[in-house]
Protein backbone atom coordinates (compact mmCIF):
# COMPACT_ATOMS: atom_id res chain seq x y z
CA MET A 1 -87.93 0.18 -102.97
CA LEU A 2 -90.38 1.06 -105.71
CA SER A 3 -90.41 5.04 -104.31
CA ASP A 4 -86.48 4.94 -104.71
CA THR A 5 -86.57 3.64 -108.12
CA ASN A 6 -89.02 6.86 -109.06
CA LYS A 7 -87.16 9.94 -110.28
CA LYS A 8 -90.38 11.83 -109.44
CA ASN A 9 -90.21 10.72 -105.61
CA GLU A 10 -94.05 9.04 -106.49
CA ALA A 11 -94.64 5.51 -105.72
CA ASP A 12 -94.81 3.51 -108.92
CA GLY A 13 -97.55 1.22 -107.47
CA ALA A 14 -99.04 -2.16 -108.61
CA ASP A 15 -97.50 -2.07 -111.91
CA LEU A 16 -94.09 -2.71 -110.83
CA PHE A 17 -94.94 -4.55 -107.63
CA LEU A 18 -95.20 -8.14 -109.06
CA PRO A 19 -91.96 -7.95 -110.92
CA THR A 20 -90.42 -6.38 -108.13
CA GLN A 21 -91.53 -9.37 -106.14
CA ILE A 22 -89.98 -11.99 -108.41
CA LEU A 23 -87.03 -10.52 -108.70
CA CYS A 24 -86.40 -10.59 -104.62
CA LEU A 25 -87.79 -13.95 -104.48
CA PHE A 26 -85.13 -15.11 -107.35
CA GLY A 27 -82.82 -15.01 -103.95
CA CYS A 28 -85.28 -17.55 -102.27
CA LYS A 29 -83.24 -20.54 -101.86
CA ASN A 30 -86.70 -22.74 -101.37
CA VAL A 31 -89.74 -21.62 -103.37
CA SER A 32 -91.33 -24.43 -102.63
CA SER A 33 -91.31 -24.15 -99.00
CA LEU A 34 -92.43 -20.58 -99.01
CA LYS A 35 -95.66 -21.97 -101.07
CA THR A 36 -96.35 -24.75 -98.41
CA GLN A 37 -95.89 -21.59 -95.87
CA LEU A 38 -98.36 -19.37 -97.85
CA ASN A 39 -100.65 -22.40 -98.05
CA TYR A 40 -100.89 -22.98 -94.31
CA ILE A 41 -101.73 -19.28 -94.12
CA LYS A 42 -104.07 -19.19 -96.49
CA ALA A 43 -105.70 -22.42 -94.62
CA PHE A 44 -106.01 -20.87 -91.11
CA ARG A 45 -105.90 -17.30 -91.67
CA GLN A 46 -109.03 -15.21 -89.95
CA GLU A 47 -110.73 -14.11 -93.37
CA HIS A 48 -111.76 -11.29 -91.86
CA LEU A 49 -108.72 -9.76 -90.83
CA LEU A 50 -107.15 -10.42 -94.10
CA LYS A 51 -109.02 -7.98 -96.41
CA GLY A 52 -108.15 -5.23 -99.10
CA GLU A 53 -104.41 -4.48 -99.22
CA ASP A 54 -103.41 -7.63 -96.90
CA GLU A 55 -105.22 -9.62 -98.97
CA TYR A 56 -103.68 -8.25 -102.42
CA TYR A 57 -100.43 -8.89 -100.88
CA LEU A 58 -100.80 -12.23 -99.83
CA THR A 59 -102.27 -12.98 -103.84
CA SER A 60 -99.17 -11.21 -105.01
CA LEU A 61 -96.74 -13.15 -103.06
CA GLU A 62 -98.57 -16.64 -104.18
CA SER A 63 -98.27 -15.39 -107.97
CA ALA A 64 -94.39 -14.58 -107.64
CA ILE A 65 -93.90 -17.74 -106.55
CA ASP A 66 -95.99 -19.78 -109.03
CA PHE A 67 -94.25 -17.71 -111.24
CA ILE A 68 -91.32 -18.82 -110.53
CA ARG A 69 -91.71 -22.03 -109.12
CA ASP A 70 -93.24 -22.80 -112.78
CA LEU A 71 -90.50 -20.93 -115.19
CA GLN A 72 -88.26 -22.63 -117.89
CA LYS A 73 -84.97 -21.72 -119.09
CA THR A 74 -86.96 -20.91 -122.52
CA ASP A 75 -89.32 -18.40 -120.38
CA LEU A 76 -85.97 -16.33 -120.19
CA THR A 77 -85.06 -15.77 -123.65
CA LEU A 78 -85.93 -12.99 -126.08
CA ASN A 79 -86.46 -14.10 -129.64
CA SER A 80 -84.60 -11.89 -132.25
CA HIS A 81 -87.17 -9.68 -132.89
CA GLU A 82 -87.95 -8.79 -129.38
CA GLN A 83 -85.61 -5.81 -127.95
CA MET A 84 -85.42 -4.53 -124.68
CA ILE A 85 -85.05 -0.88 -124.93
CA PHE A 86 -83.51 0.99 -122.09
């Protein structure tokens, strides 16, 4: 998905991965259940098999879930002096 959005045919990498993951998880109906499953994976994983990139993805997923779970309506508003540039 990230490489499809880049006009230079290069992956955008980690800078866009977490926001993209958050956006994808907004469609999840039960983020709390997903967090429970993630905690199960973390508790019973074999640490020697989950290193590097795999651990990064697991941590990113946990960060995205926590962000959505803790999100407040006021977090989604822009102040009058903030503007989006497109």
